[in-house]
């Protein structure tokens, strides 16, 4: 899991586009379950810090 680099599927995007629709959905959904939707971990840390530091209204 990357802190600065997102976790993208290991295959070439051109290969993924050529897959049949349901196979592509299954492949990407499985990757999403295992690694999240691809953002770097620093994004999650940034939002957590924002929520903790922001004063209540």
Protein backbone atom coordinates (compact mmCIF):
# COMPACT_ATOMS: atom_id res chain seq x y z
CA UNK A 1 0.00 0.00 0.00
CA UNK A 2 1.53 3.23 -1.09
CA UNK A 3 1.69 6.35 1.03
CA UNK A 4 2.64 8.74 -1.77
CA UNK A 5 1.78 6.55 -4.76
CA UNK A 6 -1.74 5.22 -5.42
CA UNK A 7 -2.39 1.47 -5.64
CA UNK A 8 -3.50 1.00 -9.23
CA UNK A 9 -4.23 -2.33 -10.91
CA UNK A 10 -0.97 -3.99 -12.03
CA UNK A 11 -2.10 -4.52 -15.63
CA UNK A 12 -1.71 -2.17 -18.56
CA UNK A 13 -4.83 0.07 -18.90
CA UNK A 14 -5.07 -0.82 -22.60
CA UNK A 15 -5.36 -4.51 -21.66
CA UNK A 16 -8.11 -3.75 -19.16
CA UNK A 17 -10.11 -1.77 -21.73
CA UNK A 18 -9.97 -4.71 -24.15
CA UNK A 19 -11.51 -7.10 -21.60
CA UNK A 20 -15.20 -7.98 -21.96
CA UNK A 21 -17.41 -5.75 -19.81
CA UNK A 22 -18.32 -8.22 -17.05
CA UNK A 23 -14.76 -9.55 -16.79
CA UNK A 24 -13.45 -5.97 -16.50
CA UNK A 25 -16.04 -5.14 -13.81
CA UNK A 26 -15.11 -8.23 -11.82
CA UNK A 27 -11.37 -7.53 -12.16
CA UNK A 28 -11.64 -3.89 -11.08
CA UNK A 29 -14.17 -4.60 -8.31
CA UNK A 30 -11.87 -7.24 -6.83
CA UNK A 31 -8.94 -4.81 -6.92
CA UNK A 32 -11.11 -2.13 -5.31
CA UNK A 33 -12.06 -4.48 -2.44
CA UNK A 34 -8.42 -5.42 -1.83
CA UNK A 35 -6.79 -1.98 -2.21
CA UNK A 36 -9.50 0.69 -2.03
CA UNK A 37 -10.34 2.93 -4.94
CA UNK A 38 -6.76 3.86 -5.69
CA UNK A 39 -5.97 6.99 -3.73
CA UNK A 40 -2.66 7.34 -1.98
CA UNK A 41 -2.72 6.87 1.80
CA UNK A 42 -1.68 10.49 2.35
CA UNK A 43 -5.17 11.49 1.16
CA UNK A 44 -6.78 9.49 3.98
CA UNK A 45 -4.32 10.92 6.50
CA UNK A 46 -5.04 14.46 5.28
CA UNK A 47 -8.79 14.08 5.71
CA UNK A 48 -8.33 12.53 9.15
CA UNK A 49 -6.15 15.45 10.25
CA UNK A 50 -8.65 17.91 8.79
CA UNK A 51 -11.51 16.34 10.75
CA UNK A 52 -9.52 16.30 14.00
CA UNK A 53 -8.20 19.88 13.70
CA UNK A 54 -11.30 21.63 12.33
CA UNK A 55 -13.12 23.42 15.15
CA UNK A 56 -16.75 22.47 15.80
CA UNK A 57 -19.40 24.88 14.56
